[in-house]
Amino acid sequence: MNRAVRSARLLVAAILGSLAASGIAAADEVKTPIRASLLLDLTAPRAQSRDAAYQESLRAEGPAPVRRGLGEVQDDGSVRYGDVTVTVRNPCPPGTHYEAPPLPGRRSK
């Protein structure tokens, strides 16, 4: 019986100790108010500091070099420079010349 009483006392002491420890932890949690701003701050993404972002941009590889060279003239008269196609068109029909109309209140020549 002595052994059973001793193990029962040990069990009761362990239960009371764990309850006391959880009560202290619960009381500590009650002291800290939980606000929406606290939750939003915890879930907000962290941005790099200005200096770290600047240093990383200096180490990063720059843009690809521009290919310089002559363009390829296409059948329609446009010129292709790598991935870019440039088309220049004359708005005047062949054999005519475009002149702006005279300003209001002025005679044409």
C-alpha atoms as a PDB file:
ATOM      1  CA  MET A   1       0.000   0.000   0.000  1.00  0.00           C
ATOM      2  CA  ASN A   2       2.807   2.296   0.766  1.00  0.00           C
ATOM      3  CA  ARG A   3       4.009   2.079  -2.791  1.00  0.00           C
ATOM      4  CA  ALA A   4       0.503   2.750  -4.210  1.00  0.00           C
ATOM      5  CA  VAL A   5       0.042   5.765  -1.917  1.00  0.00           C
ATOM      6  CA  ARG A   6       3.436   7.120  -2.909  1.00  0.00           C
ATOM      7  CA  SER A   7       2.674   6.799  -6.661  1.00  0.00           C
ATOM      8  CA  ALA A   8      -0.777   8.391  -6.115  1.00  0.00           C
ATOM      9  CA  ARG A   9       0.818  11.331  -4.295  1.00  0.00           C
ATOM     10  CA  LEU A  10       3.366  11.681  -7.078  1.00  0.00           C
ATOM     11  CA  LEU A  11       0.588  11.664  -9.685  1.00  0.00           C
ATOM     12  CA  VAL A  12      -1.430  14.283  -7.789  1.00  0.00           C
ATOM     13  CA  ALA A  13       1.688  16.467  -7.395  1.00  0.00           C
ATOM     14  CA  ALA A  14       2.433  16.209 -11.110  1.00  0.00           C
ATOM     15  CA  ILE A  15      -1.134  17.140 -12.013  1.00  0.00           C
ATOM     16  CA  LEU A  16      -1.165  20.092  -9.598  1.00  0.00           C
ATOM     17  CA  GLY A  17       2.219  21.280 -10.887  1.00  0.00           C
ATOM     18  CA  SER A  18       1.106  21.159 -14.493  1.00  0.00           C
ATOM     19  CA  LEU A  19      -2.123  22.998 -13.632  1.00  0.00           C
ATOM     20  CA  ALA A  20      -0.174  25.691 -11.787  1.00  0.00           C
ATOM     21  CA  ALA A  21       2.256  26.093 -14.685  1.00  0.00           C
ATOM     22  CA  SER A  22      -0.570  26.326 -17.217  1.00  0.00           C
ATOM     23  CA  GLY A  23      -2.386  28.836 -14.998  1.00  0.00           C
ATOM     24  CA  ILE A  24       0.713  31.057 -14.886  1.00  0.00           C
ATOM     25  CA  ALA A  25       1.103  30.797 -18.657  1.00  0.00           C
ATOM     26  CA  ALA A  26      -2.587  31.571 -19.178  1.00  0.00           C
ATOM     27  CA  ALA A  27      -2.355  34.591 -16.884  1.00  0.00           C
ATOM     28  CA  ASP A  28       0.653  35.822 -18.857  1.00  0.00           C
ATOM     29  CA  GLU A  29      -1.309  35.462 -22.105  1.00  0.00           C
ATOM     30  CA  VAL A  30      -4.210  37.485 -20.684  1.00  0.00           C
ATOM     31  CA  LYS A  31      -1.877  40.414 -20.002  1.00  0.00           C
ATOM     32  CA  THR A  32      -1.040  40.791 -23.693  1.00  0.00           C
ATOM     33  CA  PRO A  33      -3.931  42.396 -25.590  1.00  0.00           C
ATOM     34  CA  ILE A  34      -4.546  40.938 -29.032  1.00  0.00           C
ATOM     35  CA  ARG A  35      -5.396  43.566 -31.637  1.00  0.00           C
ATOM     36  CA  ALA A  36      -6.022  43.304 -35.347  1.00  0.00           C
ATOM     37  CA  SER A  37      -2.930  45.400 -36.037  1.00  0.00           C
ATOM     38  CA  LEU A  38      -0.831  42.832 -34.174  1.00  0.00           C
ATOM     39  CA  LEU A  39      -2.165  40.009 -36.349  1.00  0.00           C
ATOM     40  CA  LEU A  40      -1.670  42.039 -39.530  1.00  0.00           C
ATOM     41  CA  ASP A  41       1.874  42.880 -38.489  1.00  0.00           C
ATOM     42  CA  LEU A  42       2.666  39.215 -37.948  1.00  0.00           C
ATOM     43  CA  THR A  43       1.352  38.206 -41.363  1.00  0.00           C
ATOM     44  CA  ALA A  44       2.752  41.172 -43.344  1.00  0.00           C
ATOM     45  CA  PRO A  45       5.530  40.372 -45.813  1.00  0.00           C
ATOM     46  CA  ARG A  46       8.922  41.683 -44.822  1.00  0.00           C
ATOM     47  CA  ALA A  47      10.600  44.064 -47.269  1.00  0.00           C
ATOM     48  CA  GLN A  48      14.336  44.329 -47.660  1.00  0.00           C
ATOM     49  CA  SER A  49      16.026  47.305 -46.134  1.00  0.00           C
ATOM     50  CA  ARG A  50      16.952  50.109 -48.500  1.00  0.00           C
ATOM     51  CA  ASP A  51      20.677  49.466 -48.215  1.00  0.00           C
ATOM     52  CA  ALA A  52      20.325  45.719 -48.782  1.00  0.00           C
ATOM     53  CA  ALA A  53      18.159  46.272 -51.879  1.00  0.00           C
ATOM     54  CA  TYR A  54      20.681  48.793 -53.241  1.00  0.00           C
ATOM     55  CA  GLN A  55      23.622  46.427 -52.693  1.00  0.00           C
ATOM     56  CA  GLU A  56      21.732  43.574 -54.352  1.00  0.00           C
ATOM     57  CA  SER A  57      20.904  45.750 -57.366  1.00  0.00           C
ATOM     58  CA  LEU A  58      24.599  46.584 -57.751  1.00  0.00           C
ATOM     59  CA  ARG A  59      25.553  42.900 -57.714  1.00  0.00           C
ATOM     60  CA  ALA A  60      22.783  41.852 -60.112  1.00  0.00           C
ATOM     61  CA  GLU A  61      23.625  41.262 -63.728  1.00  0.00           C
ATOM     62  CA  GLY A  62      22.661  44.129 -66.005  1.00  0.00           C
ATOM     63  CA  PRO A  63      20.450  44.001 -69.080  1.00  0.00           C
ATOM     64  CA  ALA A  64      21.569  42.117 -72.149  1.00  0.00           C
ATOM     65  CA  PRO A  65      23.813  44.141 -74.467  1.00  0.00           C
ATOM     66  CA  VAL A  66      22.158  45.812 -77.424  1.00  0.00           C
ATOM     67  CA  ARG A  67      22.992  44.183 -80.709  1.00  0.00           C
ATOM     68  CA  ARG A  68      24.296  46.859 -83.022  1.00  0.00           C
ATOM     69  CA  GLY A  69      24.308  46.211 -86.672  1.00  0.00           C
ATOM     70  CA  LEU A  70      22.594  46.807 -89.916  1.00  0.00           C
ATOM     71  CA  GLY A  71      18.953  46.003 -90.199  1.00  0.00           C
ATOM     72  CA  GLU A  72      17.453  43.603 -92.692  1.00  0.00           C
ATOM     73  CA  VAL A  73      15.249  45.276 -95.305  1.00  0.00           C
ATOM     74  CA  GLN A  74      12.009  43.319 -95.713  1.00  0.00           C
ATOM     75  CA  ASP A  75       9.975  42.912 -98.943  1.00  0.00           C
ATOM     76  CA  ASP A  76       7.357  45.475 -97.852  1.00  0.00           C
ATOM     77  CA  GLY A  77      10.008  48.181 -97.267  1.00  0.00           C
ATOM     78  CA  SER A  78      10.150  47.840 -93.487  1.00  0.00           C
ATOM     79  CA  VAL A  79      13.467  47.268 -91.732  1.00  0.00           C
ATOM     80  CA  ARG A  80      13.966  44.585 -89.087  1.00  0.00           C
ATOM     81  CA  TYR A  81      16.482  45.221 -86.284  1.00  0.00           C
ATOM     82  CA  GLY A  82      16.613  41.997 -84.273  1.00  0.00           C
ATOM     83  CA  ASP A  83      13.187  41.692 -82.645  1.00  0.00           C
ATOM     84  CA  VAL A  84      11.985  45.168 -83.700  1.00  0.00           C
ATOM     85  CA  THR A  85      10.443  46.003 -87.061  1.00  0.00           C
ATOM     86  CA  VAL A  86      10.388  49.650 -88.186  1.00  0.00           C
ATOM     87  CA  THR A  87       8.021  50.772 -90.944  1.00  0.00           C
ATOM     88  CA  VAL A  88       8.159  54.279 -92.458  1.00  0.00           C
ATOM     89  CA  ARG A  89       5.344  55.186 -94.806  1.00  0.00           C
ATOM     90  CA  ASN A  90       4.757  58.281 -96.871  1.00  0.00           C
ATOM     91  CA  PRO A  91       1.247  59.640 -96.223  1.00  0.00           C
ATOM     92  CA  CYS A  92       1.162  61.387 -99.628  1.00  0.00           C
ATOM     93  CA  PRO A  93       0.102  59.500-102.738  1.00  0.00           C
ATOM     94  CA  PRO A  94       2.842  59.222-105.336  1.00  0.00           C
ATOM     95  CA  GLY A  95       3.259  62.390-107.421  1.00  0.00           C
ATOM     96  CA  THR A  96       1.421  64.736-105.044  1.00  0.00           C
ATOM     97  CA  HIS A  97       2.580  66.949-102.238  1.00  0.00           C
ATOM     98  CA  TYR A  98       0.642  67.660 -99.102  1.00  0.00           C
ATOM     99  CA  GLU A  99       0.195  71.296 -98.094  1.00  0.00           C
ATOM    100  CA  ALA A 100      -1.608  72.396 -94.971  1.00  0.00           C
ATOM    101  CA  PRO A 101      -4.816  74.342 -95.581  1.00  0.00           C
ATOM    102  CA  PRO A 102      -4.575  78.104 -94.993  1.00  0.00           C
ATOM    103  CA  LEU A 103      -5.429  79.423 -91.559  1.00  0.00           C
ATOM    104  CA  PRO A 104      -8.973  80.764 -91.099  1.00  0.00           C
ATOM    105  CA  GLY A 105      -9.378  84.372 -92.280  1.00  0.00           C
ATOM    106  CA  ARG A 106      -6.338  84.241 -94.587  1.00  0.00           C
ATOM    107  CA  ARG A 107      -6.257  83.847 -98.308  1.00  0.00           C
ATOM    108  CA  SER A 108      -4.504  80.989 -99.939  1.00  0.00           C
ATOM    109  CA  LYS A 109      -1.581  81.780-102.238  1.00  0.00           C
END
